[in-house]
Amino acid sequence: MNALTQRSPPERRTSHRKSVLFCSQCDRTAAVDEWVLTTTDDGETLACPDCGATLTARANLSD
């Protein structure tokens, strides 16, 4: 193979978009805006709408 030989593009490992989240409890896969976001005075929690598992919780650090 020389420098002028064309190569096929490398295969993608996944067809998921970068903004996809995965639930480790029920294997749900969906875009970020398809999850339950709950905002309280203490912070934000992102949860799975199928099984209710918490994916992430962020504390409100502005206080």
PDB file of N, CA and C in Angstrom:
ATOM      1  N   MET A   1       0.853  -1.162   0.000  1.00  0.00           N
ATOM      2  CA  MET A   1       0.000   0.000   0.000  1.00  0.00           C
ATOM      3  C   MET A   1       0.898   1.225   0.000  1.00  0.00           C
ATOM      4  N   ASN A   2       0.616   2.159  -0.895  1.00  0.00           N
ATOM      5  CA  ASN A   2       1.420   3.372  -0.931  1.00  0.00           C
ATOM      6  C   ASN A   2       0.599   4.569  -0.455  1.00  0.00           C
ATOM      7  N   ALA A   3       1.171   5.752  -0.490  1.00  0.00           N
ATOM      8  CA  ALA A   3       0.519   6.954   0.034  1.00  0.00           C
ATOM      9  C   ALA A   3      -0.714   7.343  -0.765  1.00  0.00           C
ATOM     10  N   LEU A   4      -0.836   6.869  -1.995  1.00  0.00           N
ATOM     11  CA  LEU A   4      -1.976   7.234  -2.829  1.00  0.00           C
ATOM     12  C   LEU A   4      -3.124   6.229  -2.748  1.00  0.00           C
ATOM     13  N   THR A   5      -2.926   5.145  -2.050  1.00  0.00           N
ATOM     14  CA  THR A   5      -3.970   4.137  -1.916  1.00  0.00           C
ATOM     15  C   THR A   5      -5.057   4.651  -0.984  1.00  0.00           C
ATOM     16  N   GLN A   6      -6.290   4.563  -1.448  1.00  0.00           N
ATOM     17  CA  GLN A   6      -7.398   5.032  -0.619  1.00  0.00           C
ATOM     18  C   GLN A   6      -7.781   3.959   0.390  1.00  0.00           C
ATOM     19  N   ARG A   7      -8.070   4.397   1.554  1.00  0.00           N
ATOM     20  CA  ARG A   7      -8.516   3.497   2.598  1.00  0.00           C
ATOM     21  C   ARG A   7      -9.975   3.807   2.901  1.00  0.00           C
ATOM     22  N   SER A   8     -10.695   2.785   3.279  1.00  0.00           N
ATOM     23  CA  SER A   8     -12.076   3.017   3.683  1.00  0.00           C
ATOM     24  C   SER A   8     -12.068   3.647   5.072  1.00  0.00           C
ATOM     25  N   PRO A   9     -13.079   4.470   5.376  1.00  0.00           N
ATOM     26  CA  PRO A   9     -13.106   5.096   6.696  1.00  0.00           C
ATOM     27  C   PRO A   9     -13.238   4.044   7.789  1.00  0.00           C
ATOM     28  N   PRO A  10     -12.669   4.322   8.956  1.00  0.00           N
ATOM     29  CA  PRO A  10     -12.767   3.346  10.048  1.00  0.00           C
ATOM     30  C   PRO A  10     -14.218   3.150  10.458  1.00  0.00           C
ATOM     31  N   GLU A  11     -14.545   1.933  10.863  1.00  0.00           N
ATOM     32  CA  GLU A  11     -15.908   1.635  11.295  1.00  0.00           C
ATOM     33  C   GLU A  11     -16.180   2.328  12.618  1.00  0.00           C
ATOM     34  N   ARG A  12     -17.391   2.817  12.753  1.00  0.00           N
ATOM     35  CA  ARG A  12     -17.793   3.448  14.002  1.00  0.00           C
ATOM     36  C   ARG A  12     -18.120   2.351  15.006  1.00  0.00           C
ATOM     37  N   ARG A  13     -17.761   2.560  16.232  1.00  0.00           N
ATOM     38  CA  ARG A  13     -18.028   1.569  17.272  1.00  0.00           C
ATOM     39  C   ARG A  13     -19.474   1.613  17.734  1.00  0.00           C
ATOM     40  N   THR A  14     -20.102   2.764  17.593  1.00  0.00           N
ATOM     41  CA  THR A  14     -21.476   2.900  18.031  1.00  0.00           C
ATOM     42  C   THR A  14     -22.207   3.877  17.130  1.00  0.00           C
ATOM     43  N   SER A  15     -23.493   3.725  17.048  1.00  0.00           N
ATOM     44  CA  SER A  15     -24.283   4.647  16.247  1.00  0.00           C
ATOM     45  C   SER A  15     -24.999   5.660  17.121  1.00  0.00           C
ATOM     46  N   HIS A  16     -24.678   5.695  18.417  1.00  0.00           N
ATOM     47  CA  HIS A  16     -25.328   6.606  19.344  1.00  0.00           C
ATOM     48  C   HIS A  16     -24.793   8.023  19.183  1.00  0.00           C
ATOM     49  N   ARG A  17     -25.683   9.001  19.364  1.00  0.00           N
ATOM     50  CA  ARG A  17     -25.263  10.387  19.374  1.00  0.00           C
ATOM     51  C   ARG A  17     -24.479  10.644  20.656  1.00  0.00           C
ATOM     52  N   LYS A  18     -23.729  11.729  20.670  1.00  0.00           N
ATOM     53  CA  LYS A  18     -22.948  12.054  21.849  1.00  0.00           C
ATOM     54  C   LYS A  18     -23.821  12.422  23.034  1.00  0.00           C
ATOM     55  N   SER A  19     -25.019  12.915  22.777  1.00  0.00           N
ATOM     56  CA  SER A  19     -25.880  13.367  23.860  1.00  0.00           C
ATOM     57  C   SER A  19     -26.879  12.303  24.306  1.00  0.00           C
ATOM     58  N   VAL A  20     -26.471  11.053  24.264  1.00  0.00           N
ATOM     59  CA  VAL A  20     -27.333   9.949  24.684  1.00  0.00           C
ATOM     60  C   VAL A  20     -26.928   9.487  26.076  1.00  0.00           C
ATOM     61  N   LEU A  21     -27.942   9.234  26.915  1.00  0.00           N
ATOM     62  CA  LEU A  21     -27.696   8.728  28.260  1.00  0.00           C
ATOM     63  C   LEU A  21     -28.154   7.280  28.351  1.00  0.00           C
ATOM     64  N   PHE A  22     -27.540   6.541  29.263  1.00  0.00           N
ATOM     65  CA  PHE A  22     -27.837   5.136  29.452  1.00  0.00           C
ATOM     66  C   PHE A  22     -28.206   4.886  30.912  1.00  0.00           C
ATOM     67  N   CYS A  23     -29.284   4.167  31.153  1.00  0.00           N
ATOM     68  CA  CYS A  23     -29.671   3.793  32.512  1.00  0.00           C
ATOM     69  C   CYS A  23     -29.046   2.438  32.829  1.00  0.00           C
ATOM     70  N   SER A  24     -28.300   2.376  33.909  1.00  0.00           N
ATOM     71  CA  SER A  24     -27.635   1.127  34.272  1.00  0.00           C
ATOM     72  C   SER A  24     -28.595   0.121  34.906  1.00  0.00           C
ATOM     73  N   GLN A  25     -29.766   0.578  35.326  1.00  0.00           N
ATOM     74  CA  GLN A  25     -30.726  -0.309  35.976  1.00  0.00           C
ATOM     75  C   GLN A  25     -31.621  -1.043  34.980  1.00  0.00           C
ATOM     76  N   CYS A  26     -32.131  -0.323  33.961  1.00  0.00           N
ATOM     77  CA  CYS A  26     -33.091  -0.956  33.042  1.00  0.00           C
ATOM     78  C   CYS A  26     -32.636  -0.935  31.581  1.00  0.00           C
ATOM     79  N   ASP A  27     -31.420  -0.447  31.317  1.00  0.00           N
ATOM     80  CA  ASP A  27     -30.825  -0.402  29.977  1.00  0.00           C
ATOM     81  C   ASP A  27     -31.534   0.548  29.019  1.00  0.00           C
ATOM     82  N   ARG A  28     -32.287   1.532  29.539  1.00  0.00           N
ATOM     83  CA  ARG A  28     -32.908   2.542  28.682  1.00  0.00           C
ATOM     84  C   ARG A  28     -31.800   3.371  28.033  1.00  0.00           C
ATOM     85  N   THR A  29     -31.981   3.703  26.760  1.00  0.00           N
ATOM     86  CA  THR A  29     -31.078   4.568  26.028  1.00  0.00           C
ATOM     87  C   THR A  29     -31.920   5.646  25.378  1.00  0.00           C
ATOM     88  N   ALA A  30     -31.621   6.920  25.673  1.00  0.00           N
ATOM     89  CA  ALA A  30     -32.416   8.004  25.116  1.00  0.00           C
ATOM     90  C   ALA A  30     -31.639   9.310  25.150  1.00  0.00           C
ATOM     91  N   ALA A  31     -32.111  10.259  24.356  1.00  0.00           N
ATOM     92  CA  ALA A  31     -31.501  11.581  24.313  1.00  0.00           C
ATOM     93  C   ALA A  31     -31.643  12.268  25.669  1.00  0.00           C
ATOM     94  N   VAL A  32     -30.807  13.239  25.922  1.00  0.00           N
ATOM     95  CA  VAL A  32     -30.762  13.920  27.208  1.00  0.00           C
ATOM     96  C   VAL A  32     -32.118  14.517  27.580  1.00  0.00           C
ATOM     97  N   ASP A  33     -32.838  15.050  26.610  1.00  0.00           N
ATOM     98  CA  ASP A  33     -34.110  15.706  26.922  1.00  0.00           C
ATOM     99  C   ASP A  33     -35.261  14.728  27.151  1.00  0.00           C
ATOM    100  N   GLU A  34     -35.010  13.432  27.120  1.00  0.00           N
ATOM    101  CA  GLU A  34     -36.039  12.427  27.352  1.00  0.00           C
ATOM    102  C   GLU A  34     -35.944  11.786  28.741  1.00  0.00           C
ATOM    103  N   TRP A  35     -35.304  12.469  29.672  1.00  0.00           N
ATOM    104  CA  TRP A  35     -35.151  11.999  31.038  1.00  0.00           C
ATOM    105  C   TRP A  35     -35.860  12.968  31.969  1.00  0.00           C
ATOM    106  N   VAL A  36     -36.137  12.553  33.187  1.00  0.00           N
ATOM    107  CA  VAL A  36     -36.869  13.376  34.141  1.00  0.00           C
ATOM    108  C   VAL A  36     -35.891  14.245  34.925  1.00  0.00           C
ATOM    109  N   LEU A  37     -36.003  15.563  34.744  1.00  0.00           N
ATOM    110  CA  LEU A  37     -35.156  16.509  35.460  1.00  0.00           C
ATOM    111  C   LEU A  37     -35.980  17.133  36.574  1.00  0.00           C
ATOM    112  N   THR A  38     -35.515  16.985  37.803  1.00  0.00           N
ATOM    113  CA  THR A  38     -36.181  17.570  38.959  1.00  0.00           C
ATOM    114  C   THR A  38     -35.245  18.598  39.571  1.00  0.00           C
ATOM    115  N   THR A  39     -35.734  19.833  39.700  1.00  0.00           N
ATOM    116  CA  THR A  39     -34.940  20.913  40.276  1.00  0.00           C
ATOM    117  C   THR A  39     -35.545  21.324  41.609  1.00  0.00           C
ATOM    118  N   THR A  40     -34.706  21.359  42.629  1.00  0.00           N
ATOM    119  CA  THR A  40     -35.129  21.798  43.964  1.00  0.00           C
ATOM    120  C   THR A  40     -34.152  22.871  44.440  1.00  0.00           C
ATOM    121  N   ASP A  41     -34.388  23.402  45.630  1.00  0.00           N
ATOM    122  CA  ASP A  41     -33.458  24.377  46.205  1.00  0.00           C
ATOM    123  C   ASP A  41     -32.088  23.760  46.451  1.00  0.00           C
ATOM    124  N   ASP A  42     -32.043  22.444  46.663  1.00  0.00           N
ATOM    125  CA  ASP A  42     -30.788  21.751  46.943  1.00  0.00           C
ATOM    126  C   ASP A  42     -29.974  21.436  45.697  1.00  0.00           C
ATOM    127  N   GLY A  43     -30.621  21.358  44.515  1.00  0.00           N
ATOM    128  CA  GLY A  43     -29.903  21.037  43.291  1.00  0.00           C
ATOM    129  C   GLY A  43     -30.797  20.395  42.258  1.00  0.00           C
ATOM    130  N   GLU A  44     -30.199  19.626  41.362  1.00  0.00           N
ATOM    131  CA  GLU A  44     -30.923  18.965  40.277  1.00  0.00           C
ATOM    132  C   GLU A  44     -30.674  17.468  40.303  1.00  0.00           C
ATOM    133  N   THR A  45     -31.707  16.714  39.929  1.00  0.00           N
ATOM    134  CA  THR A  45     -31.598  15.268  39.827  1.00  0.00           C
ATOM    135  C   THR A  45     -32.119  14.858  38.459  1.00  0.00           C
ATOM    136  N   LEU A  46     -31.373  13.997  37.778  1.00  0.00           N
ATOM    137  CA  LEU A  46     -31.780  13.451  36.491  1.00  0.00           C
ATOM    138  C   LEU A  46     -32.096  11.980  36.701  1.00  0.00           C
ATOM    139  N   ALA A  47     -33.339  11.578  36.340  1.00  0.00           N
ATOM    140  CA  ALA A  47     -33.776  10.209  36.623  1.00  0.00           C
ATOM    141  C   ALA A  47     -34.353   9.556  35.380  1.00  0.00           C
ATOM    142  N   CYS A  48     -34.351   8.240  35.383  1.00  0.00           N
ATOM    143  CA  CYS A  48     -34.907   7.438  34.296  1.00  0.00           C
ATOM    144  C   CYS A  48     -36.433   7.450  34.406  1.00  0.00           C
ATOM    145  N   PRO A  49     -37.141   7.789  33.324  1.00  0.00           N
ATOM    146  CA  PRO A  49     -38.600   7.790  33.375  1.00  0.00           C
ATOM    147  C   PRO A  49     -39.201   6.380  33.375  1.00  0.00           C
ATOM    148  N   ASP A  50     -38.422   5.379  32.990  1.00  0.00           N
ATOM    149  CA  ASP A  50     -38.930   4.001  32.950  1.00  0.00           C
ATOM    150  C   ASP A  50     -38.872   3.317  34.314  1.00  0.00           C
ATOM    151  N   CYS A  51     -37.722   3.415  34.990  1.00  0.00           N
ATOM    152  CA  CYS A  51     -37.566   2.681  36.249  1.00  0.00           C
ATOM    153  C   CYS A  51     -37.370   3.580  37.460  1.00  0.00           C
ATOM    154  N   GLY A  52     -37.141   4.879  37.245  1.00  0.00           N
ATOM    155  CA  GLY A  52     -36.986   5.817  38.350  1.00  0.00           C
ATOM    156  C   GLY A  52     -35.582   5.905  38.924  1.00  0.00           C
ATOM    157  N   ALA A  53     -34.642   5.168  38.367  1.00  0.00           N
ATOM    158  CA  ALA A  53     -33.270   5.201  38.877  1.00  0.00           C
ATOM    159  C   ALA A  53     -32.666   6.586  38.668  1.00  0.00           C
ATOM    160  N   THR A  54     -31.885   7.046  39.638  1.00  0.00           N
ATOM    161  CA  THR A  54     -31.205   8.330  39.529  1.00  0.00           C
ATOM    162  C   THR A  54     -29.936   8.163  38.718  1.00  0.00           C
ATOM    163  N   LEU A  55     -29.818   8.941  37.646  1.00  0.00           N
ATOM    164  CA  LEU A  55     -28.616   8.896  36.829  1.00  0.00           C
ATOM    165  C   LEU A  55     -27.554   9.821  37.385  1.00  0.00           C
ATOM    166  N   THR A  56     -27.973  11.018  37.785  1.00  0.00           N
ATOM    167  CA  THR A  56     -27.028  11.986  38.329  1.00  0.00           C
ATOM    168  C   THR A  56     -27.767  12.947  39.244  1.00  0.00           C
ATOM    169  N   ALA A  57     -27.063  13.448  40.208  1.00  0.00           N
ATOM    170  CA  ALA A  57     -27.599  14.467  41.107  1.00  0.00           C
ATOM    171  C   ALA A  57     -26.511  15.527  41.276  1.00  0.00           C
ATOM    172  N   ARG A  58     -26.901  16.787  41.087  1.00  0.00           N
ATOM    173  CA  ARG A  58     -25.957  17.878  41.224  1.00  0.00           C
ATOM    174  C   ARG A  58     -26.435  18.829  42.319  1.00  0.00           C
ATOM    175  N   ALA A  59     -25.550  19.131  43.224  1.00  0.00           N
ATOM    176  CA  ALA A  59     -25.901  20.040  44.315  1.00  0.00           C
ATOM    177  C   ALA A  59     -25.892  21.472  43.804  1.00  0.00           C
ATOM    178  N   ASN A  60     -26.738  22.305  44.391  1.00  0.00           N
ATOM    179  CA  ASN A  60     -26.767  23.720  44.073  1.00  0.00           C
ATOM    180  C   ASN A  60     -25.645  24.384  44.865  1.00  0.00           C
ATOM    181  N   LEU A  61     -24.618  24.830  44.187  1.00  0.00           N
ATOM    182  CA  LEU A  61     -23.441  25.391  44.856  1.00  0.00           C
ATOM    183  C   LEU A  61     -23.476  26.910  44.941  1.00  0.00           C
ATOM    184  N   SER A  62     -24.564  27.516  44.482  1.00  0.00           N
ATOM    185  CA  SER A  62     -24.631  28.980  44.461  1.00  0.00           C
ATOM    186  C   SER A  62     -24.973  29.577  45.805  1.00  0.00           C
ATOM    187  N   ASP A  63     -25.362  28.772  46.773  1.00  0.00           N
ATOM    188  CA  ASP A  63     -25.716  29.301  48.103  1.00  0.00           C
ATOM    189  C   ASP A  63     -24.517  29.440  48.990  1.00  0.00           C
TER     190      ASP A  63
END
